[in-house]
PDB file of N, CA and C in Angstrom:
ATOM      1  N   MET A   1       0.850  -1.176   0.000  1.00  0.00           N
ATOM      2  CA  MET A   1       0.000   0.000   0.000  1.00  0.00           C
ATOM      3  C   MET A   1       0.897   1.242   0.000  1.00  0.00           C
ATOM      4  N   THR A   2       0.529   2.222  -0.786  1.00  0.00           N
ATOM      5  CA  THR A   2       1.256   3.491  -0.794  1.00  0.00           C
ATOM      6  C   THR A   2       0.733   4.376   0.336  1.00  0.00           C
ATOM      7  N   ALA A   3       1.463   5.444   0.613  1.00  0.00           N
ATOM      8  CA  ALA A   3       1.007   6.398   1.630  1.00  0.00           C
ATOM      9  C   ALA A   3      -0.332   7.007   1.206  1.00  0.00           C
ATOM     10  N   LYS A   4      -0.464   7.315  -0.066  1.00  0.00           N
ATOM     11  CA  LYS A   4      -1.726   7.882  -0.554  1.00  0.00           C
ATOM     12  C   LYS A   4      -2.874   6.899  -0.340  1.00  0.00           C
ATOM     13  N   GLU A   5      -2.641   5.628  -0.627  1.00  0.00           N
ATOM     14  CA  GLU A   5      -3.668   4.605  -0.414  1.00  0.00           C
ATOM     15  C   GLU A   5      -4.003   4.464   1.072  1.00  0.00           C
ATOM     16  N   PHE A   6      -2.994   4.610   1.924  1.00  0.00           N
ATOM     17  CA  PHE A   6      -3.227   4.575   3.370  1.00  0.00           C
ATOM     18  C   PHE A   6      -4.223   5.662   3.764  1.00  0.00           C
ATOM     19  N   TYR A   7      -3.977   6.879   3.306  1.00  0.00           N
ATOM     20  CA  TYR A   7      -4.870   7.991   3.659  1.00  0.00           C
ATOM     21  C   TYR A   7      -6.265   7.801   3.071  1.00  0.00           C
ATOM     22  N   GLU A   8      -6.344   7.244   1.880  1.00  0.00           N
ATOM     23  CA  GLU A   8      -7.658   6.943   1.303  1.00  0.00           C
ATOM     24  C   GLU A   8      -8.386   5.904   2.153  1.00  0.00           C
ATOM     25  N   THR A   9      -7.652   4.903   2.632  1.00  0.00           N
ATOM     26  CA  THR A   9      -8.230   3.839   3.455  1.00  0.00           C
ATOM     27  C   THR A   9      -8.813   4.388   4.751  1.00  0.00           C
ATOM     28  N   ILE A  10      -8.140   5.371   5.348  1.00  0.00           N
ATOM     29  CA  ILE A  10      -8.642   5.923   6.614  1.00  0.00           C
ATOM     30  C   ILE A  10      -9.563   7.124   6.384  1.00  0.00           C
ATOM     31  N   GLY A  11      -9.861   7.402   5.114  1.00  0.00           N
ATOM     32  CA  GLY A  11     -10.814   8.462   4.786  1.00  0.00           C
ATOM     33  C   GLY A  11     -10.275   9.868   4.998  1.00  0.00           C
ATOM     34  N   GLN A  12      -8.967  10.026   4.821  1.00  0.00           N
ATOM     35  CA  GLN A  12      -8.355  11.335   5.036  1.00  0.00           C
ATOM     36  C   GLN A  12      -7.731  11.851   3.746  1.00  0.00           C
ATOM     37  N   ASN A  13      -7.421  13.128   3.723  1.00  0.00           N
ATOM     38  CA  ASN A  13      -6.914  13.801   2.536  1.00  0.00           C
ATOM     39  C   ASN A  13      -5.388  13.769   2.507  1.00  0.00           C
ATOM     40  N   TYR A  14      -4.852  12.930   1.637  1.00  0.00           N
ATOM     41  CA  TYR A  14      -3.403  12.795   1.495  1.00  0.00           C
ATOM     42  C   TYR A  14      -2.764  14.119   1.093  1.00  0.00           C
ATOM     43  N   GLU A  15      -3.417  14.857   0.214  1.00  0.00           N
ATOM     44  CA  GLU A  15      -2.848  16.116  -0.277  1.00  0.00           C
ATOM     45  C   GLU A  15      -2.629  17.118   0.859  1.00  0.00           C
ATOM     46  N   GLU A  16      -3.529  17.153   1.830  1.00  0.00           N
ATOM     47  CA  GLU A  16      -3.358  18.052   2.980  1.00  0.00           C
ATOM     48  C   GLU A  16      -2.130  17.678   3.796  1.00  0.00           C
ATOM     49  N   VAL A  17      -1.944  16.380   4.005  1.00  0.00           N
ATOM     50  CA  VAL A  17      -0.773  15.916   4.760  1.00  0.00           C
ATOM     51  C   VAL A  17       0.488  16.217   3.967  1.00  0.00           C
ATOM     52  N   LEU A  18       0.448  15.964   2.688  1.00  0.00           N
ATOM     53  CA  LEU A  18       1.588  16.234   1.815  1.00  0.00           C
ATOM     54  C   LEU A  18       1.970  17.709   1.884  1.00  0.00           C
ATOM     55  N   GLU A  19       0.985  18.584   1.824  1.00  0.00           N
ATOM     56  CA  GLU A  19       1.230  20.025   1.911  1.00  0.00           C
ATOM     57  C   GLU A  19       1.844  20.394   3.268  1.00  0.00           C
ATOM     58  N   ARG A  20       1.331  19.803   4.331  1.00  0.00           N
ATOM     59  CA  ARG A  20       1.820  20.073   5.683  1.00  0.00           C
ATOM     60  C   ARG A  20       3.291  19.675   5.830  1.00  0.00           C
ATOM     61  N   LEU A  21       3.707  18.668   5.049  1.00  0.00           N
ATOM     62  CA  LEU A  21       5.079  18.183   5.134  1.00  0.00           C
ATOM     63  C   LEU A  21       5.890  18.614   3.911  1.00  0.00           C
ATOM     64  N   ALA A  22       5.737  19.866   3.555  1.00  0.00           N
ATOM     65  CA  ALA A  22       6.538  20.527   2.522  1.00  0.00           C
ATOM     66  C   ALA A  22       6.438  19.869   1.148  1.00  0.00           C
ATOM     67  N   GLY A  23       5.326  19.200   0.871  1.00  0.00           N
ATOM     68  CA  GLY A  23       5.136  18.598  -0.438  1.00  0.00           C
ATOM     69  C   GLY A  23       6.019  17.399  -0.710  1.00  0.00           C
ATOM     70  N   SER A  24       6.611  16.849   0.329  1.00  0.00           N
ATOM     71  CA  SER A  24       7.557  15.752   0.166  1.00  0.00           C
ATOM     72  C   SER A  24       6.919  14.402   0.488  1.00  0.00           C
ATOM     73  N   GLU A  25       6.738  13.583  -0.548  1.00  0.00           N
ATOM     74  CA  GLU A  25       6.208  12.236  -0.334  1.00  0.00           C
ATOM     75  C   GLU A  25       7.145  11.426   0.544  1.00  0.00           C
ATOM     76  N   ALA A  26       8.449  11.662   0.397  1.00  0.00           N
ATOM     77  CA  ALA A  26       9.432  10.943   1.217  1.00  0.00           C
ATOM     78  C   ALA A  26       9.256  11.276   2.696  1.00  0.00           C
ATOM     79  N   LEU A  27       8.956  12.546   3.001  1.00  0.00           N
ATOM     80  CA  LEU A  27       8.733  12.930   4.402  1.00  0.00           C
ATOM     81  C   LEU A  27       7.456  12.311   4.952  1.00  0.00           C
ATOM     82  N   VAL A  28       6.411  12.269   4.151  1.00  0.00           N
ATOM     83  CA  VAL A  28       5.165  11.642   4.602  1.00  0.00           C
ATOM     84  C   VAL A  28       5.451  10.191   4.975  1.00  0.00           C
ATOM     85  N   LEU A  29       6.119   9.478   4.093  1.00  0.00           N
ATOM     86  CA  LEU A  29       6.442   8.075   4.340  1.00  0.00           C
ATOM     87  C   LEU A  29       7.344   7.928   5.564  1.00  0.00           C
ATOM     88  N   LYS A  30       8.354   8.779   5.667  1.00  0.00           N
ATOM     89  CA  LYS A  30       9.290   8.722   6.795  1.00  0.00           C
ATOM     90  C   LYS A  30       8.560   8.908   8.124  1.00  0.00           C
ATOM     91  N   PHE A  31       7.703   9.921   8.201  1.00  0.00           N
ATOM     92  CA  PHE A  31       7.025  10.202   9.461  1.00  0.00           C
ATOM     93  C   PHE A  31       5.943   9.173   9.777  1.00  0.00           C
ATOM     94  N   LEU A  32       5.305   8.624   8.766  1.00  0.00           N
ATOM     95  CA  LEU A  32       4.355   7.535   9.024  1.00  0.00           C
ATOM     96  C   LEU A  32       5.082   6.349   9.643  1.00  0.00           C
ATOM     97  N   LYS A  33       6.228   6.001   9.072  1.00  0.00           N
ATOM     98  CA  LYS A  33       6.996   4.866   9.585  1.00  0.00           C
ATOM     99  C   LYS A  33       7.537   5.158  10.985  1.00  0.00           C
ATOM    100  N   LYS A  34       7.940   6.391  11.241  1.00  0.00           N
ATOM    101  CA  LYS A  34       8.421   6.759  12.580  1.00  0.00           C
ATOM    102  C   LYS A  34       7.302   6.669  13.611  1.00  0.00           C
ATOM    103  N   PHE A  35       6.079   6.927  13.188  1.00  0.00           N
ATOM    104  CA  PHE A  35       4.941   6.860  14.100  1.00  0.00           C
ATOM    105  C   PHE A  35       4.838   5.472  14.726  1.00  0.00           C
ATOM    106  N   SER A  36       5.150   4.443  13.947  1.00  0.00           N
ATOM    107  CA  SER A  36       5.079   3.071  14.445  1.00  0.00           C
ATOM    108  C   SER A  36       6.033   2.811  15.602  1.00  0.00           C
ATOM    109  N   THR A  37       7.118   3.560  15.663  1.00  0.00           N
ATOM    110  CA  THR A  37       8.113   3.336  16.718  1.00  0.00           C
ATOM    111  C   THR A  37       8.121   4.442  17.771  1.00  0.00           C
ATOM    112  N   ASP A  38       7.270   5.434  17.599  1.00  0.00           N
ATOM    113  CA  ASP A  38       7.183   6.522  18.570  1.00  0.00           C
ATOM    114  C   ASP A  38       6.723   5.969  19.920  1.00  0.00           C
ATOM    115  N   LYS A  39       7.317   6.452  20.988  1.00  0.00           N
ATOM    116  CA  LYS A  39       7.047   5.919  22.323  1.00  0.00           C
ATOM    117  C   LYS A  39       5.915   6.643  23.066  1.00  0.00           C
ATOM    118  N   THR A  40       5.308   7.625  22.447  1.00  0.00           N
ATOM    119  CA  THR A  40       4.263   8.403  23.117  1.00  0.00           C
ATOM    120  C   THR A  40       3.070   7.543  23.510  1.00  0.00           C
ATOM    121  N   TYR A  41       2.622   6.686  22.612  1.00  0.00           N
ATOM    122  CA  TYR A  41       1.473   5.841  22.942  1.00  0.00           C
ATOM    123  C   TYR A  41       1.802   4.913  24.108  1.00  0.00           C
ATOM    124  N   ALA A  42       2.985   4.316  24.090  1.00  0.00           N
ATOM    125  CA  ALA A  42       3.386   3.425  25.188  1.00  0.00           C
ATOM    126  C   ALA A  42       3.427   4.189  26.508  1.00  0.00           C
ATOM    127  N   ALA A  43       3.903   5.428  26.472  1.00  0.00           N
ATOM    128  CA  ALA A  43       3.946   6.256  27.682  1.00  0.00           C
ATOM    129  C   ALA A  43       2.530   6.586  28.155  1.00  0.00           C
ATOM    130  N   LEU A  44       1.620   6.811  27.222  1.00  0.00           N
ATOM    131  CA  LEU A  44       0.225   7.067  27.580  1.00  0.00           C
ATOM    132  C   LEU A  44      -0.393   5.823  28.218  1.00  0.00           C
ATOM    133  N   GLU A  45      -0.118   4.672  27.649  1.00  0.00           N
ATOM    134  CA  GLU A  45      -0.616   3.409  28.209  1.00  0.00           C
ATOM    135  C   GLU A  45      -0.114   3.221  29.641  1.00  0.00           C
ATOM    136  N   GLU A  46       1.157   3.515  29.849  1.00  0.00           N
ATOM    137  CA  GLU A  46       1.753   3.393  31.181  1.00  0.00           C
ATOM    138  C   GLU A  46       1.099   4.369  32.159  1.00  0.00           C
ATOM    139  N   ALA A  47       0.905   5.601  31.723  1.00  0.00           N
ATOM    140  CA  ALA A  47       0.263   6.606  32.578  1.00  0.00           C
ATOM    141  C   ALA A  47      -1.163   6.179  32.925  1.00  0.00           C
ATOM    142  N   MET A  48      -1.866   5.598  31.972  1.00  0.00           N
ATOM    143  CA  MET A  48      -3.222   5.107  32.235  1.00  0.00           C
ATOM    144  C   MET A  48      -3.189   3.998  33.278  1.00  0.00           C
ATOM    145  N   ALA A  49      -2.238   3.085  33.155  1.00  0.00           N
ATOM    146  CA  ALA A  49      -2.130   1.971  34.101  1.00  0.00           C
ATOM    147  C   ALA A  49      -1.834   2.470  35.511  1.00  0.00           C
ATOM    148  N   GLU A  50      -1.053   3.550  35.594  1.00  0.00           N
ATOM    149  CA  GLU A  50      -0.674   4.102  36.896  1.00  0.00           C
ATOM    150  C   GLU A  50      -1.681   5.125  37.417  1.00  0.00           C
ATOM    151  N   GLY A  51      -2.613   5.537  36.572  1.00  0.00           N
ATOM    152  CA  GLY A  51      -3.609   6.520  36.991  1.00  0.00           C
ATOM    153  C   GLY A  51      -3.042   7.907  37.225  1.00  0.00           C
ATOM    154  N   GLU A  52      -1.966   8.235  36.528  1.00  0.00           N
ATOM    155  CA  GLU A  52      -1.294   9.527  36.665  1.00  0.00           C
ATOM    156  C   GLU A  52      -1.964  10.566  35.763  1.00  0.00           C
ATOM    157  N   ALA A  53      -2.899  11.327  36.313  1.00  0.00           N
ATOM    158  CA  ALA A  53      -3.689  12.272  35.512  1.00  0.00           C
ATOM    159  C   ALA A  53      -2.829  13.284  34.760  1.00  0.00           C
ATOM    160  N   GLU A  54      -1.831  13.852  35.419  1.00  0.00           N
ATOM    161  CA  GLU A  54      -0.972  14.849  34.763  1.00  0.00           C
ATOM    162  C   GLU A  54      -0.191  14.220  33.615  1.00  0.00           C
ATOM    163  N   MET A  55       0.335  13.019  33.843  1.00  0.00           N
ATOM    164  CA  MET A  55       1.090  12.329  32.793  1.00  0.00           C
ATOM    165  C   MET A  55       0.152  11.895  31.665  1.00  0.00           C
ATOM    166  N   ILE A  56      -1.052  11.472  32.010  1.00  0.00           N
ATOM    167  CA  ILE A  56      -2.034  11.118  30.978  1.00  0.00           C
ATOM    168  C   ILE A  56      -2.277  12.338  30.093  1.00  0.00           C
ATOM    169  N   PHE A  57      -2.484  13.485  30.716  1.00  0.00           N
ATOM    170  CA  PHE A  57      -2.714  14.714  29.956  1.00  0.00           C
ATOM    171  C   PHE A  57      -1.536  15.006  29.026  1.00  0.00           C
ATOM    172  N   ARG A  58      -0.317  14.974  29.570  1.00  0.00           N
ATOM    173  CA  ARG A  58       0.858  15.322  28.754  1.00  0.00           C
ATOM    174  C   ARG A  58       1.042  14.369  27.578  1.00  0.00           C
ATOM    175  N   GLN A  59       0.933  13.073  27.847  1.00  0.00           N
ATOM    176  CA  GLN A  59       1.140  12.103  26.767  1.00  0.00           C
ATOM    177  C   GLN A  59       0.004  12.161  25.742  1.00  0.00           C
ATOM    178  N   ALA A  60      -1.228  12.341  26.221  1.00  0.00           N
ATOM    179  CA  ALA A  60      -2.359  12.463  25.293  1.00  0.00           C
ATOM    180  C   ALA A  60      -2.207  13.713  24.432  1.00  0.00           C
ATOM    181  N   HIS A  61      -1.753  14.793  25.039  1.00  0.00           N
ATOM    182  CA  HIS A  61      -1.559  16.041  24.302  1.00  0.00           C
ATOM    183  C   HIS A  61      -0.493  15.867  23.221  1.00  0.00           C
ATOM    184  N   THR A  62       0.588  15.191  23.560  1.00  0.00           N
ATOM    185  CA  THR A  62       1.649  14.930  22.584  1.00  0.00           C
ATOM    186  C   THR A  62       1.135  14.046  21.454  1.00  0.00           C
ATOM    187  N   LEU A  63       0.439  12.973  21.809  1.00  0.00           N
ATOM    188  CA  LEU A  63      -0.094  12.061  20.795  1.00  0.00           C
ATOM    189  C   LEU A  63      -1.099  12.775  19.895  1.00  0.00           C
ATOM    190  N   LYS A  64      -1.893  13.646  20.475  1.00  0.00           N
ATOM    191  CA  LYS A  64      -2.867  14.430  19.702  1.00  0.00           C
ATOM    192  C   LYS A  64      -2.147  15.266  18.643  1.00  0.00           C
ATOM    193  N   GLY A  65      -1.052  15.908  19.031  1.00  0.00           N
ATOM    194  CA  GLY A  65      -0.291  16.728  18.095  1.00  0.00           C
ATOM    195  C   GLY A  65       0.318  15.921  16.967  1.00  0.00           C
ATOM    196  N   VAL A  66       0.876  14.779  17.305  1.00  0.00           N
ATOM    197  CA  VAL A  66       1.463  13.905  16.288  1.00  0.00           C
ATOM    198  C   VAL A  66       0.371  13.433  15.325  1.00  0.00           C
ATOM    199  N   ALA A  67      -0.758  13.007  15.885  1.00  0.00           N
ATOM    200  CA  ALA A  67      -1.869  12.534  15.048  1.00  0.00           C
ATOM    201  C   ALA A  67      -2.375  13.648  14.130  1.00  0.00           C
ATOM    202  N   ALA A  68      -2.450  14.863  14.650  1.00  0.00           N
ATOM    203  CA  ALA A  68      -2.904  15.996  13.836  1.00  0.00           C
ATOM    204  C   ALA A  68      -1.937  16.256  12.689  1.00  0.00           C
ATOM    205  N   ASN A  69      -0.652  16.293  12.994  1.00  0.00           N
ATOM    206  CA  ASN A  69       0.351  16.569  11.961  1.00  0.00           C
ATOM    207  C   ASN A  69       0.378  15.504  10.878  1.00  0.00           C
ATOM    208  N   LEU A  70       0.094  14.259  11.260  1.00  0.00           N
ATOM    209  CA  LEU A  70       0.114  13.170  10.287  1.00  0.00           C
ATOM    210  C   LEU A  70      -1.242  12.935   9.629  1.00  0.00           C
ATOM    211  N   GLY A  71      -2.238  13.730   9.993  1.00  0.00           N
ATOM    212  CA  GLY A  71      -3.549  13.583   9.375  1.00  0.00           C
ATOM    213  C   GLY A  71      -4.292  12.328   9.797  1.00  0.00           C
ATOM    214  N   LEU A  72      -4.022  11.853  11.009  1.00  0.00           N
ATOM    215  CA  LEU A  72      -4.692  10.662  11.539  1.00  0.00           C
ATOM    216  C   LEU A  72      -5.913  11.124  12.329  1.00  0.00           C
ATOM    217  N   LYS A  73      -6.900  11.609  11.613  1.00  0.00           N
ATOM    218  CA  LYS A  73      -8.032  12.307  12.225  1.00  0.00           C
ATOM    219  C   LYS A  73      -8.798  11.502  13.273  1.00  0.00           C
ATOM    220  N   PRO A  74      -9.128  10.234  13.029  1.00  0.00           N
ATOM    221  CA  PRO A  74      -9.859   9.504  14.074  1.00  0.00           C
ATOM    222  C   PRO A  74      -9.064   9.444  15.386  1.00  0.00           C
ATOM    223  N   LEU A  75      -7.784   9.172  15.287  1.00  0.00           N
ATOM    224  CA  LEU A  75      -6.934   9.128  16.480  1.00  0.00           C
ATOM    225  C   LEU A  75      -6.845  10.509  17.113  1.00  0.00           C
ATOM    226  N   PHE A  76      -6.689  11.534  16.303  1.00  0.00           N
ATOM    227  CA  PHE A  76      -6.647  12.907  16.807  1.00  0.00           C
ATOM    228  C   PHE A  76      -7.919  13.237  17.584  1.00  0.00           C
ATOM    229  N   GLU A  77      -9.066  12.937  17.004  1.00  0.00           N
ATOM    230  CA  GLU A  77     -10.342  13.302  17.633  1.00  0.00           C
ATOM    231  C   GLU A  77     -10.546  12.600  18.973  1.00  0.00           C
ATOM    232  N   HIS A  78     -10.230  11.317  19.033  1.00  0.00           N
ATOM    233  CA  HIS A  78     -10.404  10.592  20.294  1.00  0.00           C
ATOM    234  C   HIS A  78      -9.369  11.025  21.333  1.00  0.00           C
ATOM    235  N   THR A  79      -8.175  11.360  20.879  1.00  0.00           N
ATOM    236  CA  THR A  79      -7.154  11.839  21.808  1.00  0.00           C
ATOM    237  C   THR A  79      -7.535  13.211  22.342  1.00  0.00           C
ATOM    238  N   GLN A  80      -8.152  14.027  21.506  1.00  0.00           N
ATOM    239  CA  GLN A  80      -8.625  15.345  21.935  1.00  0.00           C
ATOM    240  C   GLN A  80      -9.605  15.215  23.101  1.00  0.00           C
ATOM    241  N   VAL A  81     -10.465  14.214  23.054  1.00  0.00           N
ATOM    242  CA  VAL A  81     -11.425  13.987  24.147  1.00  0.00           C
ATOM    243  C   VAL A  81     -10.680  13.717  25.449  1.00  0.00           C
ATOM    244  N   LEU A  82      -9.669  12.851  25.394  1.00  0.00           N
ATOM    245  CA  LEU A  82      -8.895  12.536  26.599  1.00  0.00           C
ATOM    246  C   LEU A  82      -8.145  13.758  27.108  1.00  0.00           C
ATOM    247  N   VAL A  83      -7.603  14.549  26.212  1.00  0.00           N
ATOM    248  CA  VAL A  83      -6.908  15.781  26.604  1.00  0.00           C
ATOM    249  C   VAL A  83      -7.866  16.703  27.348  1.00  0.00           C
ATOM    250  N   GLU A  84      -9.047  16.886  26.813  1.00  0.00           N
ATOM    251  CA  GLU A  84     -10.009  17.794  27.453  1.00  0.00           C
ATOM    252  C   GLU A  84     -10.465  17.274  28.813  1.00  0.00           C
ATOM    253  N   ILE A  85     -10.651  15.965  28.931  1.00  0.00           N
ATOM    254  CA  ILE A  85     -11.044  15.394  30.226  1.00  0.00           C
ATOM    255  C   ILE A  85      -9.967  15.649  31.272  1.00  0.00           C
ATOM    256  N   THR A  86      -8.714  15.449  30.890  1.00  0.00           N
ATOM    257  CA  THR A  86      -7.613  15.499  31.863  1.00  0.00           C
ATOM    258  C   THR A  86      -6.949  16.862  31.989  1.00  0.00           C
ATOM    259  N   ARG A  87      -7.303  17.791  31.143  1.00  0.00           N
ATOM    260  CA  ARG A  87      -6.659  19.117  31.162  1.00  0.00           C
ATOM    261  C   ARG A  87      -6.651  19.733  32.561  1.00  0.00           C
ATOM    262  N   HIS A  88      -7.733  19.567  33.294  1.00  0.00           N
ATOM    263  CA  HIS A  88      -7.825  20.151  34.641  1.00  0.00           C
ATOM    264  C   HIS A  88      -7.949  19.063  35.702  1.00  0.00           C
ATOM    265  N   GLY A  89      -7.367  17.899  35.410  1.00  0.00           N
ATOM    266  CA  GLY A  89      -7.331  16.827  36.394  1.00  0.00           C
ATOM    267  C   GLY A  89      -8.547  15.930  36.443  1.00  0.00           C
ATOM    268  N   GLY A  90      -9.440  16.051  35.480  1.00  0.00           N
ATOM    269  CA  GLY A  90     -10.632  15.206  35.463  1.00  0.00           C
ATOM    270  C   GLY A  90     -10.295  13.749  35.202  1.00  0.00           C
ATOM    271  N   THR A  91     -11.162  12.872  35.668  1.00  0.00           N
ATOM    272  CA  THR A  91     -10.945  11.439  35.448  1.00  0.00           C
ATOM    273  C   THR A  91     -12.175  10.733  34.882  1.00  0.00           C
ATOM    274  N   GLU A  92     -13.333  11.347  34.973  1.00  0.00           N
ATOM    275  CA  GLU A  92     -14.558  10.697  34.504  1.00  0.00           C
ATOM    276  C   GLU A  92     -14.527  10.528  32.987  1.00  0.00           C
ATOM    277  N   GLY A  93     -14.653   9.291  32.552  1.00  0.00           N
ATOM    278  CA  GLY A  93     -14.683   8.993  31.124  1.00  0.00           C
ATOM    279  C   GLY A  93     -13.333   8.693  30.506  1.00  0.00           C
ATOM    280  N   ILE A  94     -12.261   8.683  31.318  1.00  0.00           N
ATOM    281  CA  ILE A  94     -10.941   8.472  30.700  1.00  0.00           C
ATOM    282  C   ILE A  94     -10.763   7.050  30.179  1.00  0.00           C
ATOM    283  N   GLN A  95     -11.336   6.064  30.842  1.00  0.00           N
ATOM    284  CA  GLN A  95     -11.189   4.685  30.358  1.00  0.00           C
ATOM    285  C   GLN A  95     -11.887   4.505  29.010  1.00  0.00           C
ATOM    286  N   GLU A  96     -13.069   5.062  28.887  1.00  0.00           N
ATOM    287  CA  GLU A  96     -13.801   4.967  27.621  1.00  0.00           C
ATOM    288  C   GLU A  96     -13.039   5.692  26.506  1.00  0.00           C
ATOM    289  N   ALA A  97     -12.535   6.877  26.819  1.00  0.00           N
ATOM    290  CA  ALA A  97     -11.764   7.636  25.828  1.00  0.00           C
ATOM    291  C   ALA A  97     -10.511   6.867  25.426  1.00  0.00           C
ATOM    292  N   PHE A  98      -9.826   6.296  26.415  1.00  0.00           N
ATOM    293  CA  PHE A  98      -8.602   5.561  26.110  1.00  0.00           C
ATOM    294  C   PHE A  98      -8.900   4.314  25.282  1.00  0.00           C
ATOM    295  N   SER A  99     -10.009   3.651  25.535  1.00  0.00           N
ATOM    296  CA  SER A  99     -10.380   2.466  24.749  1.00  0.00           C
ATOM    297  C   SER A  99     -10.513   2.813  23.270  1.00  0.00           C
ATOM    298  N   LYS A 100     -11.089   3.972  22.985  1.00  0.00           N
ATOM    299  CA  LYS A 100     -11.232   4.420  21.593  1.00  0.00           C
ATOM    300  C   LYS A 100      -9.868   4.759  20.996  1.00  0.00           C
ATOM    301  N   ILE A 101      -9.014   5.402  21.791  1.00  0.00           N
ATOM    302  CA  ILE A 101      -7.660   5.723  21.334  1.00  0.00           C
ATOM    303  C   ILE A 101      -6.912   4.439  21.013  1.00  0.00           C
ATOM    304  N   LYS A 102      -6.994   3.477  21.905  1.00  0.00           N
ATOM    305  CA  LYS A 102      -6.294   2.202  21.707  1.00  0.00           C
ATOM    306  C   LYS A 102      -6.736   1.533  20.413  1.00  0.00           C
ATOM    307  N   ALA A 103      -8.038   1.474  20.178  1.00  0.00           N
ATOM    308  CA  ALA A 103      -8.554   0.857  18.950  1.00  0.00           C
ATOM    309  C   ALA A 103      -8.061   1.608  17.714  1.00  0.00           C
ATOM    310  N   ASP A 104      -8.113   2.936  17.759  1.00  0.00           N
ATOM    311  CA  ASP A 104      -7.630   3.748  16.630  1.00  0.00           C
ATOM    312  C   ASP A 104      -6.141   3.539  16.410  1.00  0.00           C
ATOM    313  N   TYR A 105      -5.381   3.588  17.498  1.00  0.00           N
ATOM    314  CA  TYR A 105      -3.929   3.449  17.409  1.00  0.00           C
ATOM    315  C   TYR A 105      -3.563   2.094  16.793  1.00  0.00           C
ATOM    316  N   GLU A 106      -4.162   1.035  17.298  1.00  0.00           N
ATOM    317  CA  GLU A 106      -3.849  -0.301  16.781  1.00  0.00           C
ATOM    318  C   GLU A 106      -4.198  -0.426  15.306  1.00  0.00           C
ATOM    319  N   GLU A 107      -5.310   0.178  14.901  1.00  0.00           N
ATOM    320  CA  GLU A 107      -5.696   0.146  13.487  1.00  0.00           C
ATOM    321  C   GLU A 107      -4.711   0.960  12.642  1.00  0.00           C
ATOM    322  N   MET A 108      -4.301   2.121  13.129  1.00  0.00           N
ATOM    323  CA  MET A 108      -3.332   2.936  12.390  1.00  0.00           C
ATOM    324  C   MET A 108      -2.021   2.173  12.214  1.00  0.00           C
ATOM    325  N   ILE A 109      -1.539   1.547  13.278  1.00  0.00           N
ATOM    326  CA  ILE A 109      -0.282   0.794  13.203  1.00  0.00           C
ATOM    327  C   ILE A 109      -0.424  -0.371  12.229  1.00  0.00           C
ATOM    328  N   ARG A 110      -1.534  -1.080  12.306  1.00  0.00           N
ATOM    329  CA  ARG A 110      -1.761  -2.209  11.396  1.00  0.00           C
ATOM    330  C   ARG A 110      -1.692  -1.747   9.939  1.00  0.00           C
ATOM    331  N   LEU A 111      -2.320  -0.626   9.650  1.00  0.00           N
ATOM    332  CA  LEU A 111      -2.323  -0.115   8.280  1.00  0.00           C
ATOM    333  C   LEU A 111      -0.973   0.476   7.887  1.00  0.00           C
ATOM    334  N   ILE A 112      -0.348   1.209   8.791  1.00  0.00           N
ATOM    335  CA  ILE A 112       0.961   1.804   8.489  1.00  0.00           C
ATOM    336  C   ILE A 112       1.982   0.717   8.189  1.00  0.00           C
ATOM    337  N   ASP A 113       1.887  -0.404   8.887  1.00  0.00           N
ATOM    338  CA  ASP A 113       2.817  -1.509   8.631  1.00  0.00           C
ATOM    339  C   ASP A 113       2.692  -2.054   7.212  1.00  0.00           C
ATOM    340  N   GLN A 114       1.601  -1.756   6.538  1.00  0.00           N
ATOM    341  CA  GLN A 114       1.400  -2.206   5.156  1.00  0.00           C
ATOM    342  C   GLN A 114       1.899  -1.181   4.130  1.00  0.00           C
ATOM    343  N   VAL A 115       2.256   0.000   4.599  1.00  0.00           N
ATOM    344  CA  VAL A 115       2.702   1.065   3.696  1.00  0.00           C
ATOM    345  C   VAL A 115       4.145   0.800   3.277  1.00  0.00           C
ATOM    346  N   GLU A 116       4.383   0.947   1.981  1.00  0.00           N
ATOM    347  CA  GLU A 116       5.741   0.759   1.448  1.00  0.00           C
ATOM    348  C   GLU A 116       6.200   1.996   0.725  1.00  0.00           C
TER     349      GLU A 116
END
């Protein structure tokens, strides 16, 4: 699967991502592949397991930014929910929000692993 096909599969606009990354197809591919090894999601998972609200907020905020820059809209939207819940130390609904993030993240990784 090409990067363009990946974005079509997830219902997102490849051209917008391409523009965001200086029109470089090589950069789009590079950053998609780097996303698979980025440690932010693992850190978020750890923070969730430990119940660290501040760390959950920070890691969710970072993941939200990465997802936005890469045009991973479903992941961005669900991460935004977790960011808003935890921004001021809230905890109600974080498990449900994280479950959606986890499903999105796993699907993104599965598809990114098919990109060549």
